[in-house]
Amino acid sequence: MGNDRDNRGQYQKQHTDSDVLAAVREHEPAATSEVAAELGIARQSADYRLRNLREEERVESKKIGASLVWFAPAESVDK
């Protein structure tokens, strides 16, 4: 088992939700690939994290053409 897994074999998060939110704010409106590049993670990992934050209403998304972009709601509170 590598260092990136916990004692149950689950992958550990390398970045906090605050890190992900900061990456969104840095590139707002942010493409998933921009968030991934900012954090140094795979696009699929960034997409997973962003969708979870959207479910928690901590980020919002909008489809522009064929792209999905992410942004922090105006009243967003960093939890």
N, C-alpha and C. Protein backbone atom coordinates (compact mmCIF):
# COMPACT_ATOMS: atom_id res chain seq x y z
N MET A 1 0.83 -1.18 0.00
CA MET A 1 0.00 0.00 0.00
C MET A 1 0.88 1.24 0.00
N GLY A 2 0.53 2.22 -0.85
CA GLY A 2 1.32 3.45 -0.93
C GLY A 2 0.93 4.44 0.13
N ASN A 3 1.67 5.53 0.19
CA ASN A 3 1.40 6.58 1.17
C ASN A 3 0.12 7.35 0.90
N ASP A 4 -0.47 7.16 -0.29
CA ASP A 4 -1.66 7.93 -0.62
C ASP A 4 -2.94 7.24 -0.18
N ARG A 5 -2.84 6.15 0.58
CA ARG A 5 -4.03 5.43 1.07
C ARG A 5 -4.02 5.42 2.60
N ASP A 6 -5.24 5.42 3.16
CA ASP A 6 -5.33 5.35 4.61
C ASP A 6 -5.28 3.89 5.06
N ASN A 7 -5.46 3.64 6.35
CA ASN A 7 -5.33 2.29 6.88
C ASN A 7 -6.46 1.36 6.42
N ARG A 8 -7.50 1.90 5.78
CA ARG A 8 -8.57 1.08 5.23
C ARG A 8 -8.39 0.85 3.73
N GLY A 9 -7.30 1.35 3.18
CA GLY A 9 -7.04 1.19 1.76
C GLY A 9 -7.71 2.23 0.89
N GLN A 10 -8.35 3.23 1.52
CA GLN A 10 -9.03 4.30 0.78
C GLN A 10 -8.02 5.40 0.44
N TYR A 11 -8.19 6.01 -0.73
CA TYR A 11 -7.33 7.12 -1.09
C TYR A 11 -7.58 8.30 -0.16
N GLN A 12 -6.50 8.93 0.27
CA GLN A 12 -6.59 10.11 1.11
C GLN A 12 -6.63 11.34 0.20
N LYS A 13 -7.37 12.34 0.62
CA LYS A 13 -7.41 13.59 -0.12
C LYS A 13 -6.08 14.30 0.05
N GLN A 14 -5.51 14.75 -1.07
CA GLN A 14 -4.26 15.51 -1.00
C GLN A 14 -4.55 16.98 -0.77
N HIS A 15 -5.76 17.42 -1.10
CA HIS A 15 -6.12 18.82 -0.99
C HIS A 15 -7.43 18.95 -0.22
N THR A 16 -7.52 19.99 0.57
CA THR A 16 -8.74 20.25 1.33
C THR A 16 -9.79 20.84 0.40
N ASP A 17 -11.02 20.86 0.87
CA ASP A 17 -12.08 21.53 0.12
C ASP A 17 -11.73 23.00 -0.07
N SER A 18 -11.10 23.60 0.90
CA SER A 18 -10.69 25.00 0.79
C SER A 18 -9.69 25.19 -0.35
N ASP A 19 -8.80 24.23 -0.55
CA ASP A 19 -7.85 24.29 -1.66
C ASP A 19 -8.59 24.26 -2.99
N VAL A 20 -9.58 23.40 -3.10
CA VAL A 20 -10.36 23.28 -4.33
C VAL A 20 -11.13 24.57 -4.58
N LEU A 21 -11.75 25.11 -3.55
CA LEU A 21 -12.49 26.37 -3.68
C LEU A 21 -11.56 27.52 -4.07
N ALA A 22 -10.38 27.55 -3.52
CA ALA A 22 -9.41 28.60 -3.87
C ALA A 22 -9.01 28.50 -5.34
N ALA A 23 -8.86 27.28 -5.85
CA ALA A 23 -8.52 27.09 -7.26
C ALA A 23 -9.66 27.56 -8.15
N VAL A 24 -10.89 27.32 -7.74
CA VAL A 24 -12.05 27.80 -8.50
C VAL A 24 -12.02 29.33 -8.53
N ARG A 25 -11.83 29.94 -7.39
CA ARG A 25 -11.83 31.41 -7.31
C ARG A 25 -10.69 32.02 -8.13
N GLU A 26 -9.56 31.34 -8.17
CA GLU A 26 -8.40 31.83 -8.91
C GLU A 26 -8.69 31.93 -10.41
N HIS A 27 -9.49 31.03 -10.94
CA HIS A 27 -9.74 30.96 -12.38
C HIS A 27 -11.19 31.27 -12.76
N GLU A 28 -11.97 31.75 -11.83
CA GLU A 28 -13.41 31.91 -11.99
C GLU A 28 -13.78 32.73 -13.23
N PRO A 29 -14.70 32.26 -14.07
CA PRO A 29 -15.29 30.92 -14.02
C PRO A 29 -14.24 29.89 -14.44
N ALA A 30 -14.14 28.84 -13.68
CA ALA A 30 -13.05 27.87 -13.83
C ALA A 30 -13.49 26.61 -14.57
N ALA A 31 -12.72 26.22 -15.55
CA ALA A 31 -12.92 24.93 -16.19
C ALA A 31 -12.37 23.85 -15.26
N THR A 32 -12.91 22.68 -15.36
CA THR A 32 -12.43 21.56 -14.53
C THR A 32 -10.94 21.35 -14.74
N SER A 33 -10.49 21.45 -15.98
CA SER A 33 -9.07 21.23 -16.28
C SER A 33 -8.19 22.30 -15.63
N GLU A 34 -8.70 23.53 -15.48
CA GLU A 34 -7.93 24.58 -14.81
C GLU A 34 -7.78 24.28 -13.32
N VAL A 35 -8.84 23.80 -12.71
CA VAL A 35 -8.79 23.44 -11.29
C VAL A 35 -7.81 22.28 -11.11
N ALA A 36 -7.89 21.30 -12.00
CA ALA A 36 -6.99 20.14 -11.93
C ALA A 36 -5.53 20.58 -12.05
N ALA A 37 -5.25 21.45 -13.01
CA ALA A 37 -3.88 21.92 -13.21
C ALA A 37 -3.39 22.71 -12.00
N GLU A 38 -4.24 23.56 -11.46
CA GLU A 38 -3.88 24.36 -10.29
C GLU A 38 -3.50 23.48 -9.10
N LEU A 39 -4.22 22.37 -8.94
CA LEU A 39 -3.99 21.47 -7.80
C LEU A 39 -2.99 20.36 -8.11
N GLY A 40 -2.66 20.18 -9.38
CA GLY A 40 -1.74 19.11 -9.76
C GLY A 40 -2.36 17.73 -9.63
N ILE A 41 -3.66 17.63 -9.98
CA ILE A 41 -4.37 16.35 -9.90
C ILE A 41 -5.00 16.04 -11.26
N ALA A 42 -5.48 14.82 -11.42
CA ALA A 42 -6.13 14.41 -12.66
C ALA A 42 -7.45 15.16 -12.83
N ARG A 43 -7.83 15.42 -14.07
CA ARG A 43 -9.08 16.11 -14.36
C ARG A 43 -10.26 15.37 -13.75
N GLN A 44 -10.23 14.04 -13.81
CA GLN A 44 -11.33 13.24 -13.24
C GLN A 44 -11.43 13.44 -11.74
N SER A 45 -10.31 13.57 -11.06
CA SER A 45 -10.31 13.81 -9.61
C SER A 45 -10.89 15.18 -9.30
N ALA A 46 -10.50 16.17 -10.08
CA ALA A 46 -11.04 17.52 -9.89
C ALA A 46 -12.55 17.52 -10.14
N ASP A 47 -12.98 16.84 -11.18
CA ASP A 47 -14.41 16.76 -11.49
C ASP A 47 -15.18 16.13 -10.33
N TYR A 48 -14.66 15.06 -9.78
CA TYR A 48 -15.30 14.38 -8.64
C TYR A 48 -15.43 15.34 -7.45
N ARG A 49 -14.33 16.03 -7.12
CA ARG A 49 -14.34 16.94 -5.98
C ARG A 49 -15.31 18.10 -6.22
N LEU A 50 -15.31 18.65 -7.43
CA LEU A 50 -16.18 19.78 -7.75
C LEU A 50 -17.65 19.38 -7.70
N ARG A 51 -17.98 18.21 -8.21
CA ARG A 51 -19.37 17.75 -8.17
C ARG A 51 -19.84 17.53 -6.73
N ASN A 52 -18.95 17.02 -5.88
CA ASN A 52 -19.30 16.87 -4.46
C ASN A 52 -19.54 18.23 -3.80
N LEU A 53 -18.70 19.20 -4.13
CA LEU A 53 -18.89 20.55 -3.58
C LEU A 53 -20.18 21.18 -4.11
N ARG A 54 -20.54 20.87 -5.34
CA ARG A 54 -21.79 21.39 -5.88
C ARG A 54 -22.98 20.79 -5.13
N GLU A 55 -22.91 19.49 -4.82
CA GLU A 55 -23.98 18.86 -4.04
C GLU A 55 -24.14 19.50 -2.67
N GLU A 56 -23.03 19.98 -2.11
CA GLU A 56 -23.05 20.66 -0.81
C GLU A 56 -23.36 22.15 -0.96
N GLU A 57 -23.63 22.58 -2.20
CA GLU A 57 -23.95 23.98 -2.53
C GLU A 57 -22.82 24.94 -2.17
N ARG A 58 -21.59 24.46 -2.31
CA ARG A 58 -20.42 25.30 -2.03
C ARG A 58 -19.81 25.87 -3.30
N VAL A 59 -20.14 25.27 -4.45
CA VAL A 59 -19.81 25.82 -5.77
C VAL A 59 -21.03 25.65 -6.66
N GLU A 60 -21.05 26.42 -7.72
CA GLU A 60 -22.10 26.29 -8.72
C GLU A 60 -21.44 26.02 -10.05
N SER A 61 -22.21 25.49 -10.99
CA SER A 61 -21.67 25.22 -12.31
C SER A 61 -22.63 25.72 -13.37
N LYS A 62 -22.09 25.94 -14.55
CA LYS A 62 -22.89 26.39 -15.68
C LYS A 62 -22.27 25.83 -16.95
N LYS A 63 -23.12 25.37 -17.83
CA LYS A 63 -22.67 24.85 -19.11
C LYS A 63 -22.54 26.02 -20.08
N ILE A 64 -21.38 26.20 -20.64
CA ILE A 64 -21.13 27.22 -21.66
C ILE A 64 -20.61 26.49 -22.89
N GLY A 65 -21.45 26.41 -23.91
CA GLY A 65 -21.11 25.62 -25.09
C GLY A 65 -21.01 24.17 -24.67
N ALA A 66 -19.87 23.56 -24.97
CA ALA A 66 -19.65 22.17 -24.59
C ALA A 66 -18.91 22.04 -23.26
N SER A 67 -18.60 23.18 -22.64
CA SER A 67 -17.81 23.16 -21.41
C SER A 67 -18.66 23.44 -20.18
N LEU A 68 -18.27 22.83 -19.10
CA LEU A 68 -18.88 23.08 -17.79
C LEU A 68 -17.90 23.94 -17.01
N VAL A 69 -18.36 25.08 -16.52
CA VAL A 69 -17.49 25.95 -15.73
C VAL A 69 -18.03 26.04 -14.31
N TRP A 70 -17.13 26.36 -13.39
CA TRP A 70 -17.43 26.36 -11.96
C TRP A 70 -17.17 27.74 -11.40
N PHE A 71 -17.98 28.11 -10.41
CA PHE A 71 -17.79 29.38 -9.74
C PHE A 71 -18.35 29.28 -8.33
N ALA A 72 -17.82 30.15 -7.46
CA ALA A 72 -18.28 30.16 -6.07
C ALA A 72 -19.51 31.06 -5.99
N PRO A 73 -20.56 30.61 -5.34
CA PRO A 73 -21.72 31.46 -5.15
C PRO A 73 -21.34 32.72 -4.38
N ALA A 74 -22.01 33.81 -4.63
CA ALA A 74 -21.68 35.08 -3.98
C ALA A 74 -21.70 34.96 -2.46
N GLU A 75 -22.66 34.20 -1.92
CA GLU A 75 -22.77 34.05 -0.48
C GLU A 75 -22.00 32.84 0.05
N SER A 76 -21.12 32.28 -0.77
CA SER A 76 -20.38 31.07 -0.37
C SER A 76 -19.56 31.32 0.88
N VAL A 77 -19.71 30.43 1.83
CA VAL A 77 -18.94 30.47 3.07
C VAL A 77 -18.02 29.26 3.06
N ASP A 78 -16.75 29.49 3.24
CA ASP A 78 -15.77 28.41 3.26
C ASP A 78 -15.93 27.63 4.54
N LYS A 79 -16.40 26.38 4.44
CA LYS A 79 -16.65 25.55 5.61
C LYS A 79 -15.41 24.84 6.06
